[in-house]
Amino acid sequence: MANIKYRQKRSLIGKPESHRKIIKALGLRRIGHVVETKDTPQIRGMIHKVQYMVEVID
């Protein structure tokens, strides 16, 4: 299975609590933080839900 890399590009300040929990579950901690995990439908769904705060890297 392939891996996927993503980066937090926006702050969590003023965002809904559910979106904050998703960012935490993705393993992101601060703006610019990059995480690499397995590419699963669950991860893709979480990224899609907070796509305005997360950037997928090639």
C-alpha atoms as a PDB file:
ATOM      1  CA  MET A   1       0.000   0.000   0.000  1.00  0.00           C
ATOM      2  CA  ALA A   2       1.226   3.469  -0.881  1.00  0.00           C
ATOM      3  CA  ASN A   3       1.997   6.267   1.535  1.00  0.00           C
ATOM      4  CA  ILE A   4       0.567   9.769   1.576  1.00  0.00           C
ATOM      5  CA  LYS A   5       2.284  12.948   2.818  1.00  0.00           C
ATOM      6  CA  TYR A   6       0.327  15.950   4.009  1.00  0.00           C
ATOM      7  CA  ARG A   7       1.071  19.279   5.669  1.00  0.00           C
ATOM      8  CA  GLN A   8      -0.932  21.584   7.924  1.00  0.00           C
ATOM      9  CA  LYS A   9      -1.192  24.943   6.190  1.00  0.00           C
ATOM     10  CA  ARG A  10      -3.649  26.879   8.399  1.00  0.00           C
ATOM     11  CA  SER A  11      -4.156  27.563  12.086  1.00  0.00           C
ATOM     12  CA  LEU A  12      -6.735  25.806  14.260  1.00  0.00           C
ATOM     13  CA  ILE A  13      -7.762  29.051  15.981  1.00  0.00           C
ATOM     14  CA  GLY A  14     -11.484  29.663  15.580  1.00  0.00           C
ATOM     15  CA  LYS A  15     -12.148  26.353  13.831  1.00  0.00           C
ATOM     16  CA  PRO A  16     -14.863  23.861  14.902  1.00  0.00           C
ATOM     17  CA  GLU A  17     -13.911  21.375  17.620  1.00  0.00           C
ATOM     18  CA  SER A  18     -14.577  18.417  15.286  1.00  0.00           C
ATOM     19  CA  HIS A  19     -12.030  19.792  12.793  1.00  0.00           C
ATOM     20  CA  ARG A  20      -9.469  20.289  15.578  1.00  0.00           C
ATOM     21  CA  LYS A  21      -9.900  16.637  16.579  1.00  0.00           C
ATOM     22  CA  ILE A  22      -9.437  15.493  12.984  1.00  0.00           C
ATOM     23  CA  ILE A  23      -6.174  17.451  12.679  1.00  0.00           C
ATOM     24  CA  LYS A  24      -4.965  15.886  15.939  1.00  0.00           C
ATOM     25  CA  ALA A  25      -5.975  12.409  14.727  1.00  0.00           C
ATOM     26  CA  LEU A  26      -3.988  12.982  11.524  1.00  0.00           C
ATOM     27  CA  GLY A  27      -0.923  13.584  13.701  1.00  0.00           C
ATOM     28  CA  LEU A  28      -0.475  17.240  12.794  1.00  0.00           C
ATOM     29  CA  ARG A  29       0.760  19.576  15.527  1.00  0.00           C
ATOM     30  CA  ARG A  30       1.527  22.979  14.014  1.00  0.00           C
ATOM     31  CA  ILE A  31       1.506  24.937  10.771  1.00  0.00           C
ATOM     32  CA  GLY A  32       4.053  23.492   8.344  1.00  0.00           C
ATOM     33  CA  HIS A  33       4.209  20.119  10.106  1.00  0.00           C
ATOM     34  CA  VAL A  34       4.491  17.251   7.568  1.00  0.00           C
ATOM     35  CA  VAL A  35       3.249  13.716   8.276  1.00  0.00           C
ATOM     36  CA  GLU A  36       3.561  10.584   6.149  1.00  0.00           C
ATOM     37  CA  THR A  37       1.128   7.693   6.713  1.00  0.00           C
ATOM     38  CA  LYS A  38      -0.433   4.823   4.788  1.00  0.00           C
ATOM     39  CA  ASP A  39      -2.908   5.916   2.144  1.00  0.00           C
ATOM     40  CA  THR A  40      -6.230   4.498   3.359  1.00  0.00           C
ATOM     41  CA  PRO A  41      -9.842   5.546   2.706  1.00  0.00           C
ATOM     42  CA  GLN A  42     -10.130   6.650   6.353  1.00  0.00           C
ATOM     43  CA  ILE A  43      -7.130   9.005   6.079  1.00  0.00           C
ATOM     44  CA  ARG A  44      -8.387  10.346   2.729  1.00  0.00           C
ATOM     45  CA  GLY A  45     -11.790  11.040   4.294  1.00  0.00           C
ATOM     46  CA  MET A  46     -10.269  12.951   7.196  1.00  0.00           C
ATOM     47  CA  ILE A  47      -8.096  14.996   4.821  1.00  0.00           C
ATOM     48  CA  HIS A  48     -11.141  15.754   2.659  1.00  0.00           C
ATOM     49  CA  LYS A  49     -13.108  17.008   5.680  1.00  0.00           C
ATOM     50  CA  VAL A  50     -10.380  19.540   6.615  1.00  0.00           C
ATOM     51  CA  GLN A  51      -8.990  20.148   3.125  1.00  0.00           C
ATOM     52  CA  TYR A  52      -8.962  23.921   3.691  1.00  0.00           C
ATOM     53  CA  MET A  53      -6.326  23.414   6.436  1.00  0.00           C
ATOM     54  CA  VAL A  54      -4.325  20.512   4.969  1.00  0.00           C
ATOM     55  CA  GLU A  55      -2.220  20.224   1.819  1.00  0.00           C
ATOM     56  CA  VAL A  56      -1.332  16.883   0.219  1.00  0.00           C
ATOM     57  CA  ILE A  57       2.303  16.700  -0.921  1.00  0.00           C
ATOM     58  CA  ASP A  58       3.530  14.539  -3.803  1.00  0.00           C
END
